């Protein structure tokens, strides 16, 4: 992981079916910024889900690992951890 910083946006939801619905909408062309308003994260939902720039070590390990494993603009499959997309 090293010192590489990533600009991360995410949408935090409580249920996996919510995450799956968001992913479907993204694939249909919905704007991430609009969908992020559904996020349970009060610190990022009004900023389009933007978490800013940070190394993966700045996040909880499962989230940091997911970020490091994604390519620019990619969306991970839904899972029980927070869902994110890198920009």
Protein backbone atom coordinates (compact mmCIF):
# COMPACT_ATOMS: atom_id res chain seq x y z
CA UNK A 1 0.00 0.00 0.00
CA UNK A 2 2.83 2.39 0.78
CA UNK A 3 2.40 6.14 0.71
CA UNK A 4 0.26 6.28 -2.41
CA UNK A 5 -2.70 8.56 -1.86
CA UNK A 6 -6.09 7.94 -3.40
CA UNK A 7 -8.95 10.36 -3.96
CA UNK A 8 -11.93 8.41 -2.71
CA UNK A 9 -15.67 8.86 -2.84
CA UNK A 10 -18.04 6.47 -1.13
CA UNK A 11 -21.66 5.87 -0.31
CA UNK A 12 -22.20 4.28 3.09
CA UNK A 13 -25.40 2.27 3.45
CA UNK A 14 -26.75 -0.07 6.10
CA UNK A 15 -28.09 -2.89 3.93
CA UNK A 16 -26.47 -4.81 1.11
CA UNK A 17 -29.60 -4.50 -1.03
CA UNK A 18 -29.21 -0.69 -0.82
CA UNK A 19 -25.63 -1.00 -2.08
CA UNK A 20 -26.71 -3.28 -4.92
CA UNK A 21 -29.43 -0.81 -5.98
CA UNK A 22 -26.90 2.04 -5.99
CA UNK A 23 -24.49 0.01 -8.14
CA UNK A 24 -27.29 -0.79 -10.59
CA UNK A 25 -28.16 2.90 -10.82
CA UNK A 26 -24.52 3.84 -11.38
CA UNK A 27 -24.26 1.33 -14.19
CA UNK A 28 -27.39 2.85 -15.73
CA UNK A 29 -25.69 6.25 -15.76
CA UNK A 30 -26.90 7.87 -12.54
CA UNK A 31 -24.56 10.53 -11.14
CA UNK A 32 -22.50 9.41 -8.17
CA UNK A 33 -22.92 12.84 -6.54
CA UNK A 34 -26.70 12.48 -6.61
CA UNK A 35 -26.67 8.93 -5.26
CA UNK A 36 -24.24 9.92 -2.49
CA UNK A 37 -27.01 12.00 -0.92
CA UNK A 38 -28.41 8.65 0.29
CA UNK A 39 -25.22 7.95 2.26
CA UNK A 40 -25.34 7.37 6.00
CA UNK A 41 -22.01 9.24 6.30
CA UNK A 42 -22.94 12.79 7.35
CA UNK A 43 -19.41 14.02 6.68
CA UNK A 44 -19.36 13.14 2.98
CA UNK A 45 -22.94 12.79 1.71
CA UNK A 46 -23.32 16.49 0.95
CA UNK A 47 -19.94 16.52 -0.80
CA UNK A 48 -20.82 13.83 -3.33
CA UNK A 49 -19.37 11.13 -1.09
CA UNK A 50 -15.91 12.74 -1.30
CA UNK A 51 -13.43 11.62 1.35
CA UNK A 52 -10.58 13.59 -0.20
CA UNK A 53 -7.01 12.38 -0.72
CA UNK A 54 -5.46 9.92 1.74
CA UNK A 55 -3.22 6.85 1.85
CA UNK A 56 -5.05 3.58 2.37
CA UNK A 57 -3.54 3.33 5.86
CA UNK A 58 -5.82 6.23 6.80
CA UNK A 59 -8.89 3.99 6.47
CA UNK A 60 -10.02 0.86 8.28
CA UNK A 61 -8.16 -2.08 6.74
CA UNK A 62 -11.00 -3.68 4.73
CA UNK A 63 -11.89 -0.32 3.21
CA UNK A 64 -8.25 0.59 2.52
CA UNK A 65 -7.66 -2.80 0.89
CA UNK A 66 -10.73 -2.32 -1.31
CA UNK A 67 -9.54 1.13 -2.36
CA UNK A 68 -6.05 -0.13 -3.21
CA UNK A 69 -7.52 -2.97 -5.26
CA UNK A 70 -9.73 -0.76 -7.42
CA UNK A 71 -8.77 1.01 -10.59
CA UNK A 72 -9.61 4.64 -11.26
CA UNK A 73 -13.35 5.09 -11.71
CA UNK A 74 -14.12 1.48 -10.78
CA UNK A 75 -16.93 0.32 -8.53
CA UNK A 76 -16.54 -2.75 -6.31
CA UNK A 77 -19.17 -5.45 -6.08
CA UNK A 78 -21.63 -4.99 -3.24
CA UNK A 79 -20.54 -6.42 0.07
CA UNK A 80 -21.17 -6.03 3.78
CA UNK A 81 -18.45 -3.41 4.14
CA UNK A 82 -18.81 0.19 2.97
CA UNK A 83 -19.01 0.54 -0.79
CA UNK A 84 -16.72 3.00 -2.51
CA UNK A 85 -15.58 4.20 -5.84
CA UNK A 86 -12.30 5.82 -6.69
CA UNK A 87 -12.15 8.90 -8.88
